[in-house]
Amino acid sequence: LHMGKTMKEDLTVVVKYIKQLYPPEFNVFSTYAELYHTYFASQAKKNAESHLEDKDIYLLLSWVHNIYPKDMRKDHVLAEELEKVKLGSLLPSSLSKELEKKYLDSEEATIKNSLSKCLDKEIQRWKEDREPEKLNGHFQSELLAIFVIQSIYSGQKRAKEVSAAVGEELSRRLWQELPAFLRSYKDAFEDFKEKSKKHRHYKPILIASVNNCWNFR
């Protein structure tokens, strides 16, 4: 963040006040921009090759795909000049792809784990001696559907903010996880139907789960 802010502010000063003090053939702005970019890219590469936490990988990818090329290089003061310099990406393509894979693997595993825990909690609620909540007069196990849908949607949204390609890949992966989760949910529900017929709230729990189907659709 400090490097990005410094680069943006300094290049703005170069455009507004320094560039016109030199003959055009000196290419003053290009010299400044290339030196800043080279240093920034070397630091990004150094970070990318070190051990990074998941949140750091996400932040670095956000810089590579979004903040640097869009927020900084498309700045209204700098865009025209930077367009002439053709600085390239902050990271080599191979390293960027490697980080993207780590991010996707981690995000997929995190969401899959969240869905599994959520289902475990839902199954535990079925075993408790209490009636499901009602929404607009109908029994609902709404927390499960809302949590699952929000988890998948939020994951997709975060990934798309890295890049469209990363968003599409995570969506593809999650659309494989969702049917797997629904199969697990169905199996648990069938098991409850068979083994818990004497449960005091058996019928309301069945109705609540059936009503979930609409939300999942």
Protein backbone atom coordinates (compact mmCIF):
# COMPACT_ATOMS: atom_id res chain seq x y z
CA LEU A 1 0.00 0.00 0.00
CA HIS A 2 2.82 2.39 0.88
CA MET A 3 4.70 1.63 -2.35
CA GLY A 4 1.56 2.03 -4.44
CA LYS A 5 0.64 5.32 -2.81
CA THR A 6 4.19 6.65 -3.16
CA MET A 7 4.44 5.64 -6.81
CA LYS A 8 1.09 7.22 -7.66
CA GLU A 9 1.79 10.47 -5.82
CA ASP A 10 5.33 10.83 -7.16
CA LEU A 11 4.38 10.12 -10.77
CA THR A 12 1.58 12.66 -10.44
CA VAL A 13 4.19 15.26 -9.40
CA VAL A 14 6.34 14.24 -12.40
CA VAL A 15 3.41 14.73 -14.81
CA LYS A 16 2.28 18.05 -13.35
CA TYR A 17 5.54 19.78 -12.48
CA ILE A 18 8.75 17.99 -13.55
CA LYS A 19 8.16 16.65 -17.06
CA GLN A 20 7.88 20.09 -18.69
CA LEU A 21 11.24 21.18 -17.22
CA TYR A 22 13.09 18.75 -19.52
CA PRO A 23 13.30 18.38 -23.33
CA PRO A 24 10.83 15.77 -24.68
CA GLU A 25 13.64 13.47 -25.84
CA PHE A 26 14.69 12.96 -22.21
CA ASN A 27 11.51 10.89 -21.67
CA VAL A 28 11.51 11.94 -18.02
CA PHE A 29 8.15 10.42 -17.17
CA SER A 30 9.03 7.08 -18.80
CA THR A 31 12.28 6.94 -16.82
CA TYR A 32 10.53 7.53 -13.51
CA ALA A 33 7.67 5.15 -14.32
CA GLU A 34 9.96 2.32 -15.44
CA LEU A 35 12.19 2.63 -12.36
CA TYR A 36 9.22 2.66 -10.00
CA HIS A 37 7.63 -0.28 -11.81
CA THR A 38 10.84 -2.32 -11.77
CA TYR A 39 11.22 -1.83 -8.02
CA PHE A 40 7.53 -2.45 -7.29
CA ALA A 41 7.55 -5.61 -9.44
CA SER A 42 10.70 -6.91 -7.73
CA GLN A 43 9.07 -6.49 -4.32
CA ALA A 44 5.85 -8.16 -5.51
CA LYS A 45 7.89 -11.09 -6.87
CA LYS A 46 9.84 -11.36 -3.62
CA ASN A 47 6.59 -11.50 -1.65
CA ALA A 48 5.01 -13.98 -4.05
CA GLU A 49 7.94 -16.36 -3.64
CA SER A 50 7.81 -16.26 0.17
CA HIS A 51 5.37 -18.11 2.44
CA LEU A 52 2.08 -16.22 2.33
CA GLU A 53 -1.11 -16.58 4.34
CA ASP A 54 -4.33 -16.96 2.35
CA LYS A 55 -5.36 -13.33 2.94
CA ASP A 56 -1.95 -12.15 1.72
CA ILE A 57 -2.25 -14.20 -1.48
CA TYR A 58 -5.65 -12.62 -2.10
CA LEU A 59 -4.28 -9.12 -1.49
CA LEU A 60 -1.29 -9.66 -3.77
CA LEU A 61 -3.51 -11.03 -6.55
CA SER A 62 -5.81 -8.03 -6.09
CA TRP A 63 -2.82 -5.74 -6.65
CA VAL A 64 -1.67 -7.65 -9.73
CA HIS A 65 -5.08 -7.89 -11.42
CA ASN A 66 -7.01 -4.91 -10.10
CA ILE A 67 -5.47 -2.21 -7.96
CA TYR A 68 -2.28 -1.72 -9.97
CA PRO A 69 -3.64 -1.93 -13.55
CA LYS A 70 -7.00 -0.26 -12.87
CA ASP A 71 -6.91 2.04 -9.84
CA MET A 72 -3.34 3.26 -10.34
CA ARG A 73 -2.57 3.03 -14.03
CA LYS A 74 -6.01 4.22 -15.11
CA ASP A 75 -5.81 7.27 -12.84
CA HIS A 76 -7.08 10.28 -14.80
CA VAL A 77 -3.81 12.20 -14.34
CA LEU A 78 -1.49 9.28 -15.15
CA ALA A 79 -3.38 7.14 -17.66
CA GLU A 80 -2.37 8.94 -20.84
CA GLU A 81 1.33 8.99 -19.96
CA LEU A 82 1.40 5.43 -18.62
CA GLU A 83 -0.26 4.17 -21.79
CA LYS A 84 2.87 5.22 -23.71
CA VAL A 85 5.23 3.38 -21.35
CA LYS A 86 3.70 -0.16 -21.50
CA LEU A 87 4.89 -1.30 -18.08
CA GLY A 88 3.49 -4.82 -18.06
CA SER A 89 2.26 -6.82 -15.06
CA LEU A 90 3.58 -6.72 -11.50
CA LEU A 91 4.26 -10.49 -11.59
CA PRO A 92 5.44 -12.93 -14.25
CA SER A 93 2.52 -14.90 -15.67
CA SER A 94 3.78 -18.24 -14.30
CA LEU A 95 4.05 -16.90 -10.75
CA SER A 96 0.66 -15.23 -10.99
CA LYS A 97 -0.91 -18.53 -12.13
CA GLU A 98 0.75 -20.34 -9.23
CA LEU A 99 -0.73 -17.88 -6.73
CA GLU A 100 -4.14 -18.13 -8.39
CA LYS A 101 -4.10 -21.92 -7.99
CA LYS A 102 -3.17 -21.61 -4.29
CA TYR A 103 -5.96 -19.11 -3.78
CA LEU A 104 -8.54 -21.24 -5.61
CA ASP A 105 -7.56 -24.42 -3.76
CA SER A 106 -7.75 -22.64 -0.41
CA GLU A 107 -11.06 -20.88 -1.16
CA GLU A 108 -12.66 -24.07 -2.42
CA ALA A 109 -11.53 -26.02 0.67
CA THR A 110 -12.72 -23.26 3.03
CA ILE A 111 -16.20 -23.09 1.47
CA LYS A 112 -16.50 -26.88 1.32
CA ASN A 113 -15.58 -27.09 5.03
CA SER A 114 -18.08 -24.33 5.90
CA LEU A 115 -20.90 -26.13 4.10
CA SER A 116 -20.08 -29.39 5.87
CA LYS A 117 -20.09 -27.72 9.30
CA CYS A 118 -23.36 -25.97 8.51
CA LEU A 119 -25.01 -29.28 7.59
CA ASP A 120 -23.71 -30.86 10.80
CA LYS A 121 -25.35 -28.05 12.79
CA GLU A 122 -28.61 -28.54 10.88
CA ILE A 123 -28.61 -32.28 11.63
CA GLN A 124 -27.93 -31.48 15.29
CA ARG A 125 -30.95 -29.13 15.32
CA TRP A 126 -33.16 -31.97 14.06
CA LYS A 127 -32.19 -33.96 17.16
CA GLU A 128 -33.14 -31.18 19.56
CA ASP A 129 -36.54 -31.09 21.23
CA ARG A 130 -37.78 -27.91 19.60
CA GLU A 131 -39.96 -26.92 16.70
CA PRO A 132 -38.36 -25.30 13.62
CA GLU A 133 -38.82 -21.55 13.20
CA LYS A 134 -41.63 -20.15 11.08
CA LEU A 135 -41.30 -17.54 8.34
CA ASN A 136 -44.52 -15.96 7.07
CA GLY A 137 -46.44 -18.72 8.81
CA HIS A 138 -44.48 -21.57 7.22
CA PHE A 139 -41.95 -23.86 8.82
CA GLN A 140 -38.50 -23.04 7.49
CA SER A 141 -35.02 -24.32 8.07
CA GLU A 142 -34.00 -21.11 6.40
CA LEU A 143 -30.65 -20.64 8.09
CA LEU A 144 -29.18 -23.59 6.20
CA ALA A 145 -30.22 -22.41 2.73
CA ILE A 146 -29.26 -18.80 3.38
CA PHE A 147 -25.85 -19.75 4.76
CA VAL A 148 -25.06 -22.12 1.88
CA ILE A 149 -26.21 -19.71 -0.83
CA GLN A 150 -24.38 -16.76 0.76
CA SER A 151 -21.18 -18.79 1.20
CA ILE A 152 -21.11 -19.74 -2.47
CA TYR A 153 -22.14 -16.28 -3.69
CA SER A 154 -19.58 -14.52 -1.47
CA GLY A 155 -16.83 -16.85 -2.66
CA GLN A 156 -17.72 -16.17 -6.29
CA LYS A 157 -17.86 -12.42 -5.69
CA ARG A 158 -14.43 -12.34 -3.99
CA ALA A 159 -12.89 -14.40 -6.79
CA LYS A 160 -14.38 -12.18 -9.51
CA GLU A 161 -12.82 -9.18 -7.79
CA VAL A 162 -9.41 -10.78 -8.40
CA SER A 163 -10.15 -11.34 -12.09
CA ALA A 164 -12.93 -12.59 -14.35
CA ALA A 165 -10.95 -15.76 -15.13
CA VAL A 166 -10.37 -16.57 -11.45
CA GLY A 167 -14.06 -15.94 -10.76
CA GLU A 168 -15.11 -18.32 -13.54
CA GLU A 169 -12.77 -21.06 -12.32
CA LEU A 170 -14.01 -20.84 -8.72
CA SER A 171 -17.62 -20.84 -9.94
CA ARG A 172 -16.91 -24.00 -11.94
CA ARG A 173 -15.44 -25.67 -8.85
CA LEU A 174 -18.26 -24.58 -6.55
CA TRP A 175 -20.92 -25.82 -8.96
CA GLN A 176 -19.39 -29.24 -8.38
CA GLU A 177 -19.41 -28.78 -4.61
CA LEU A 178 -23.05 -27.68 -4.39
CA PRO A 179 -24.57 -30.93 -5.80
CA ALA A 180 -22.24 -32.90 -3.50
CA PHE A 181 -23.51 -30.88 -0.52
CA LEU A 182 -27.14 -31.36 -1.59
CA ARG A 183 -26.62 -35.11 -1.88
CA SER A 184 -25.23 -35.17 1.67
CA TYR A 185 -28.19 -33.11 2.84
CA LYS A 186 -30.63 -35.45 1.12
CA ASP A 187 -28.95 -38.55 2.62
CA ALA A 188 -29.08 -37.04 6.12
CA PHE A 189 -32.71 -36.05 5.61
CA GLU A 190 -33.68 -39.55 4.42
CA ASP A 191 -31.91 -41.01 7.44
CA PHE A 192 -33.84 -38.69 9.77
CA LYS A 193 -37.13 -39.64 8.10
CA GLU A 194 -36.48 -43.35 8.63
CA LYS A 195 -35.09 -43.28 12.15
CA SER A 196 -36.84 -40.38 13.89
CA LYS A 197 -40.54 -40.98 13.34
CA LYS A 198 -41.20 -40.72 17.07
CA HIS A 199 -39.58 -37.29 17.32
CA ARG A 200 -42.04 -34.84 18.88
CA HIS A 201 -41.54 -32.35 16.03
CA TYR A 202 -41.10 -34.92 13.27
CA LYS A 203 -43.66 -33.45 10.87
CA PRO A 204 -42.62 -29.76 11.23
CA ILE A 205 -38.96 -30.72 10.64
CA LEU A 206 -39.94 -32.59 7.45
CA ILE A 207 -41.96 -29.60 6.25
CA ALA A 208 -39.11 -27.19 7.02
CA SER A 209 -36.63 -29.27 4.99
CA VAL A 210 -39.05 -29.64 2.08
CA ASN A 211 -39.52 -25.86 2.08
CA ASN A 212 -35.74 -25.50 1.83
CA CYS A 213 -35.88 -27.01 -1.65
CA TRP A 214 -37.39 -23.84 -3.12
CA ASN A 215 -34.57 -21.68 -1.71
CA PHE A 216 -31.93 -24.01 -3.09
CA ARG A 217 -33.55 -24.00 -6.54
